[in-house]
Amino acid sequence: HQNGRRTWGHSMVIDPWGDVLAMQAEGEAVVTAALDRDRIARHRESLPALGHRVV
């Protein structure tokens, strides 16, 4: 970077449970991942704190 800042890569997409869905260890890239909407819904139902939301 022009300002001297250094970055190291290892960009990742990680789900709320800590599972790595996609990773780019080295080089320049755009990291994307497919999301399983059914899995997301099941996990949201299992989080009791989400029942306290005011929408």
Foldseek 3Di string as FASTA:
>chain_A
DVVPDDDQAFDFDADPVGRTQWTDRDDDDDIDGDDDVVVVVVVCVVDVVNVPDDD
